[in-house]
Amino acid sequence: MNINPMDLFKNLQNIQSKLGETQEKLKTITAVGTSGGDMVRIEVNGQLEVIGVTISPEAVDPDDIAMLQDLILAAFTDAMVKIKDKIRDEMSSLTGGMDLPPGLMGM
C-alpha cells in the first residue's frame, strides 16, 4: 500500500487547522464550580484559567477561615472537573469521536 505524501501533508494541514480552531473555541468555553450551596463559585475557561470568583458574604466567617478555604478548594475542584469534561467533548468532535490518550492536556 503506497501512501501519497501529498495526501498525508493535506491531512496534517487539515488537522492543524482544526486544532487551531479548537484552541480558539476553548477560550470561549467556561464552566462554573460551586460549593457550600453556591456560597462559593469559581468560573474557569477552556484554557484552565480562573476567570471569576464569587464569595457570598455568609461564607465569610473571620473565626472560621479554614471553612472558607475548604469551600474555595471544593468550588475550584468542581470547576476543573466540569471544564475538563467540556474540553474532552470539544476535542472528541475534533478527533471524530476517538478517545484522547490519558494524560493529554493534563486530563
Protein backbone atom coordinates (compact mmCIF):
# COMPACT_ATOMS: atom_id res chain seq x y z
CA MET A 1 0.00 0.00 0.00
CA ASN A 2 1.54 3.29 -1.10
CA ILE A 3 0.85 6.46 0.82
CA ASN A 4 0.85 9.59 -1.23
CA PRO A 5 3.00 12.14 0.65
CA MET A 6 0.81 14.98 -0.64
CA ASP A 7 -2.32 13.37 0.81
CA LEU A 8 -0.52 12.92 4.12
CA PHE A 9 0.55 16.56 4.06
CA LYS A 10 -3.02 17.73 3.29
CA ASN A 11 -4.38 15.65 6.17
CA LEU A 12 -1.78 17.12 8.52
CA GLN A 13 -2.68 20.65 7.43
CA ASN A 14 -6.37 19.88 7.98
CA ILE A 15 -5.70 18.53 11.47
CA GLN A 16 -3.55 21.57 12.34
CA SER A 17 -6.30 23.88 11.12
CA LYS A 18 -8.93 22.07 13.21
CA LEU A 19 -6.66 22.12 16.24
CA GLY A 20 -6.20 25.88 15.86
CA GLU A 21 -9.97 26.35 15.59
CA THR A 22 -10.50 24.18 18.65
CA GLN A 23 -7.91 26.11 20.67
CA GLU A 24 -9.72 29.35 19.80
CA LYS A 25 -13.04 27.81 20.78
CA LEU A 26 -11.60 26.65 24.11
CA LYS A 27 -11.10 30.31 25.00
CA THR A 28 -14.87 30.76 24.91
CA ILE A 29 -15.85 27.59 26.79
CA THR A 30 -16.45 28.13 30.50
CA ALA A 31 -17.58 26.11 33.48
CA VAL A 32 -18.61 27.18 36.96
CA GLY A 33 -17.76 25.13 40.01
CA THR A 34 -19.68 25.67 43.21
CA SER A 35 -19.58 24.66 46.84
CA GLY A 36 -21.46 25.35 50.03
CA GLY A 37 -24.81 25.51 48.24
CA ASP A 38 -23.49 28.16 45.80
CA MET A 39 -21.84 30.25 48.54
CA VAL A 40 -18.58 29.97 46.60
CA ARG A 41 -18.48 29.98 42.79
CA ILE A 42 -15.39 29.75 40.60
CA GLU A 43 -15.51 30.16 36.82
CA VAL A 44 -12.78 28.72 34.60
CA ASN A 45 -12.25 28.80 30.86
CA GLY A 46 -11.12 26.12 28.44
CA GLN A 47 -7.52 27.22 28.88
CA LEU A 48 -7.79 26.21 32.56
CA GLU A 49 -7.61 29.82 33.74
CA VAL A 50 -9.74 31.11 36.62
CA ILE A 51 -11.77 33.97 35.19
CA GLY A 52 -14.11 34.68 38.08
CA VAL A 53 -14.59 34.12 41.80
CA THR A 54 -17.75 34.92 43.74
CA ILE A 55 -17.98 34.51 47.51
CA SER A 56 -21.26 35.11 49.32
CA PRO A 57 -20.96 37.24 52.48
CA GLU A 58 -22.38 34.41 54.61
CA ALA A 59 -19.40 32.25 53.61
CA VAL A 60 -17.02 34.72 55.24
CA ASP A 61 -16.60 33.96 58.93
CA PRO A 62 -13.45 35.55 60.36
CA ASP A 63 -13.47 32.90 63.08
CA ASP A 64 -13.52 30.03 60.55
CA ILE A 65 -11.09 30.83 57.76
CA ALA A 66 -10.44 27.09 57.29
CA MET A 67 -14.06 26.55 56.21
CA LEU A 68 -13.81 29.29 53.56
CA GLN A 69 -10.56 27.80 52.29
CA ASP A 70 -12.24 24.40 52.01
CA LEU A 71 -15.21 25.94 50.16
CA ILE A 72 -12.87 27.66 47.68
CA LEU A 73 -10.90 24.47 47.11
CA ALA A 74 -14.10 22.45 46.60
CA ALA A 75 -15.50 25.00 44.12
CA PHE A 76 -12.22 25.09 42.20
CA THR A 77 -12.08 21.29 42.03
CA ASP A 78 -15.70 21.19 40.84
CA ALA A 79 -14.95 23.79 38.13
CA MET A 80 -11.89 21.88 36.91
CA VAL A 81 -13.82 18.61 36.61
CA LYS A 82 -16.57 20.36 34.64
CA ILE A 83 -14.24 22.25 32.27
CA LYS A 84 -12.15 19.14 31.59
CA ASP A 85 -15.34 17.29 30.62
CA LYS A 86 -16.23 20.13 28.24
CA ILE A 87 -12.72 20.15 26.77
CA ARG A 88 -12.86 16.36 26.25
CA ASP A 89 -16.20 16.75 24.45
CA GLU A 90 -14.76 19.51 22.24
CA MET A 91 -11.60 17.54 21.44
CA SER A 92 -13.69 14.43 20.73
CA SER A 93 -15.50 16.32 17.98
CA LEU A 94 -12.11 17.27 16.54
CA THR A 95 -10.83 13.70 16.58
CA GLY A 96 -14.05 12.27 15.16
CA GLY A 97 -15.02 10.56 18.40
CA MET A 98 -11.68 8.88 19.07
CA ASP A 99 -10.81 8.82 22.76
CA LEU A 100 -7.93 11.04 23.75
CA PRO A 101 -4.96 9.30 25.32
CA PRO A 102 -4.98 9.53 29.13
CA GLY A 103 -2.95 12.47 30.35
CA LEU A 104 -3.38 14.52 27.17
CA MET A 105 -3.80 18.18 28.11
CA GLY A 106 -3.47 17.24 31.77
CA MET A 107 -6.68 15.23 31.82
